[in-house]
C-alpha atoms as a PDB file:
ATOM      1  CA  UNK A   1      -8.292-101.346 -13.850  1.00  0.00           C
ATOM      2  CA  UNK A   2      -6.271 -98.280 -14.772  1.00  0.00           C
ATOM      3  CA  UNK A   3      -6.420 -95.078 -13.163  1.00  0.00           C
ATOM      4  CA  UNK A   4      -4.684 -92.181 -14.840  1.00  0.00           C
ATOM      5  CA  UNK A   5      -4.459 -88.262 -13.671  1.00  0.00           C
ATOM      6  CA  UNK A   6      -5.819 -86.028 -16.499  1.00  0.00           C
ATOM      7  CA  UNK A   7      -4.686 -82.841 -14.935  1.00  0.00           C
ATOM      8  CA  UNK A   8      -1.522 -81.983 -12.730  1.00  0.00           C
ATOM      9  CA  UNK A   9      -3.133 -80.642  -9.383  1.00  0.00           C
ATOM     10  CA  UNK A  10      -0.887 -79.171  -7.047  1.00  0.00           C
ATOM     11  CA  UNK A  11      -1.382 -81.287  -3.599  1.00  0.00           C
ATOM     12  CA  UNK A  12      -3.699 -80.004  -1.326  1.00  0.00           C
ATOM     13  CA  UNK A  13      -2.111 -77.338   1.409  1.00  0.00           C
ATOM     14  CA  UNK A  14      -1.456 -78.087   4.880  1.00  0.00           C
ATOM     15  CA  UNK A  15      -2.688 -75.838   7.225  1.00  0.00           C
ATOM     16  CA  UNK A  16       0.462 -75.944   9.575  1.00  0.00           C
ATOM     17  CA  UNK A  17      -1.156 -72.767  11.866  1.00  0.00           C
ATOM     18  CA  UNK A  18      -3.353 -75.601  13.787  1.00  0.00           C
ATOM     19  CA  UNK A  19      -0.422 -77.915  14.631  1.00  0.00           C
ATOM     20  CA  UNK A  20       1.730 -76.867  16.497  1.00  0.00           C
ATOM     21  CA  UNK A  21       5.083 -78.832  17.302  1.00  0.00           C
ATOM     22  CA  UNK A  22       5.136 -79.041  20.910  1.00  0.00           C
ATOM     23  CA  UNK A  23       2.660 -80.537  22.630  1.00  0.00           C
ATOM     24  CA  UNK A  24       0.045 -78.467  24.757  1.00  0.00           C
ATOM     25  CA  UNK A  25      -0.363 -78.670  28.319  1.00  0.00           C
ATOM     26  CA  UNK A  26      -3.536 -80.194  27.580  1.00  0.00           C
ATOM     27  CA  UNK A  27      -2.115 -83.361  25.550  1.00  0.00           C
ATOM     28  CA  UNK A  28       0.645 -83.676  28.370  1.00  0.00           C
ATOM     29  CA  UNK A  29      -1.520 -83.972  31.307  1.00  0.00           C
ATOM     30  CA  UNK A  30      -3.904 -86.619  29.286  1.00  0.00           C
ATOM     31  CA  UNK A  31      -0.737 -88.046  28.248  1.00  0.00           C
ATOM     32  CA  UNK A  32       0.604 -88.338  32.145  1.00  0.00           C
ATOM     33  CA  UNK A  33      -3.242 -89.673  33.285  1.00  0.00           C
ATOM     34  CA  UNK A  34      -2.652 -92.417  30.929  1.00  0.00           C
ATOM     35  CA  UNK A  35       0.505 -93.117  32.472  1.00  0.00           C
ATOM     36  CA  UNK A  36      -0.678 -93.249  35.661  1.00  0.00           C
ATOM     37  CA  UNK A  37      -3.897 -95.351  35.047  1.00  0.00           C
ATOM     38  CA  UNK A  38      -1.496 -97.945  33.104  1.00  0.00           C
ATOM     39  CA  UNK A  39       0.683 -97.715  36.043  1.00  0.00           C
ATOM     40  CA  UNK A  40      -2.118 -98.584  38.307  1.00  0.00           C
ATOM     41  CA  UNK A  41      -3.737-101.267  36.652  1.00  0.00           C
ATOM     42  CA  UNK A  42      -0.799-103.083  36.235  1.00  0.00           C
ATOM     43  CA  UNK A  43       0.042-102.930  39.905  1.00  0.00           C
ATOM     44  CA  UNK A  44      -3.383-104.155  40.406  1.00  0.00           C
ATOM     45  CA  UNK A  45      -2.374-107.335  37.709  1.00  0.00           C
ATOM     46  CA  UNK A  46       0.635-108.048  40.074  1.00  0.00           C
ATOM     47  CA  UNK A  47      -1.080-107.623  43.792  1.00  0.00           C
ATOM     48  CA  UNK A  48      -1.967-110.577  45.172  1.00  0.00           C
ATOM     49  CA  UNK A  49      -4.550-109.388  47.952  1.00  0.00           C
ATOM     50  CA  UNK A  50      -6.407-107.470  44.372  1.00  0.00           C
ATOM     51  CA  UNK A  51      -6.254-111.059  42.665  1.00  0.00           C
ATOM     52  CA  UNK A  52      -8.060-112.732  45.735  1.00  0.00           C
ATOM     53  CA  UNK A  53     -10.282-110.238  45.917  1.00  0.00           C
ATOM     54  CA  UNK A  54     -11.126-110.481  42.316  1.00  0.00           C
ATOM     55  CA  UNK A  55     -11.248-114.220  42.827  1.00  0.00           C
ATOM     56  CA  UNK A  56     -13.663-113.614  45.658  1.00  0.00           C
ATOM     57  CA  UNK A  57     -16.127-111.348  43.733  1.00  0.00           C
ATOM     58  CA  UNK A  58     -16.185-113.443  40.476  1.00  0.00           C
ATOM     59  CA  UNK A  59     -17.048-116.649  42.780  1.00  0.00           C
ATOM     60  CA  UNK A  60     -20.916-117.475  41.824  1.00  0.00           C
ATOM     61  CA  UNK A  61     -21.975-117.401  45.102  1.00  0.00           C
ATOM     62  CA  UNK A  62     -20.374-114.590  46.473  1.00  0.00           C
ATOM     63  CA  UNK A  63     -21.641-112.304  43.294  1.00  0.00           C
ATOM     64  CA  UNK A  64     -25.307-113.660  43.768  1.00  0.00           C
ATOM     65  CA  UNK A  65     -24.918-112.568  47.422  1.00  0.00           C
ATOM     66  CA  UNK A  66     -23.627-109.374  46.394  1.00  0.00           C
ATOM     67  CA  UNK A  67     -26.309-108.327  44.064  1.00  0.00           C
ATOM     68  CA  UNK A  68     -28.645-109.266  46.460  1.00  0.00           C
ATOM     69  CA  UNK A  69     -27.345-106.773  48.799  1.00  0.00           C
ATOM     70  CA  UNK A  70     -29.861-103.390  49.439  1.00  0.00           C
ATOM     71  CA  UNK A  71     -29.435-100.329  50.862  1.00  0.00           C
ATOM     72  CA  UNK A  72     -32.768-100.336  52.638  1.00  0.00           C
ATOM     73  CA  UNK A  73     -31.414-100.828  56.421  1.00  0.00           C
ATOM     74  CA  UNK A  74     -30.162 -96.828  56.547  1.00  0.00           C
ATOM     75  CA  UNK A  75     -28.533 -96.395  60.137  1.00  0.00           C
ATOM     76  CA  UNK A  76     -28.000 -93.224  61.001  1.00  0.00           C
ATOM     77  CA  UNK A  77     -24.781 -91.892  61.790  1.00  0.00           C
ATOM     78  CA  UNK A  78     -25.163 -91.393  65.796  1.00  0.00           C
ATOM     79  CA  UNK A  79     -26.485 -95.417  65.763  1.00  0.00           C
ATOM     80  CA  UNK A  80     -23.400 -96.613  63.315  1.00  0.00           C
ATOM     81  CA  UNK A  81     -20.993 -94.516  65.533  1.00  0.00           C
ATOM     82  CA  UNK A  82     -22.961 -96.047  68.869  1.00  0.00           C
ATOM     83  CA  UNK A  83     -22.669 -99.792  67.766  1.00  0.00           C
ATOM     84  CA  UNK A  84     -18.903 -99.609  66.630  1.00  0.00           C
ATOM     85  CA  UNK A  85     -18.345 -98.328  69.676  1.00  0.00           C
ATOM     86  CA  UNK A  86     -20.514-101.516  71.318  1.00  0.00           C
ATOM     87  CA  UNK A  87     -18.116-103.488  69.230  1.00  0.00           C
ATOM     88  CA  UNK A  88     -14.761-102.191  69.548  1.00  0.00           C
ATOM     89  CA  UNK A  89     -14.459-103.089  73.299  1.00  0.00           C
END
């Protein structure tokens, strides 16, 4: 198959007013956020405590216990504070 150009059409003009050569402050902020997220993720991957926590929550027995936890036992602040005070003595 051969494609031939019938007319010499000019190439489409680019709108250079929409693209600025310097990144905007929003672009820089997003780039900084991505860099910070990457740094945090790499730190988490090399953190032994984080690794141990991941092993615990991915254990089938532990994850099953986490799945069955409920928020039915709601305790008011004063009761929790009194219980904490009793246990810390």
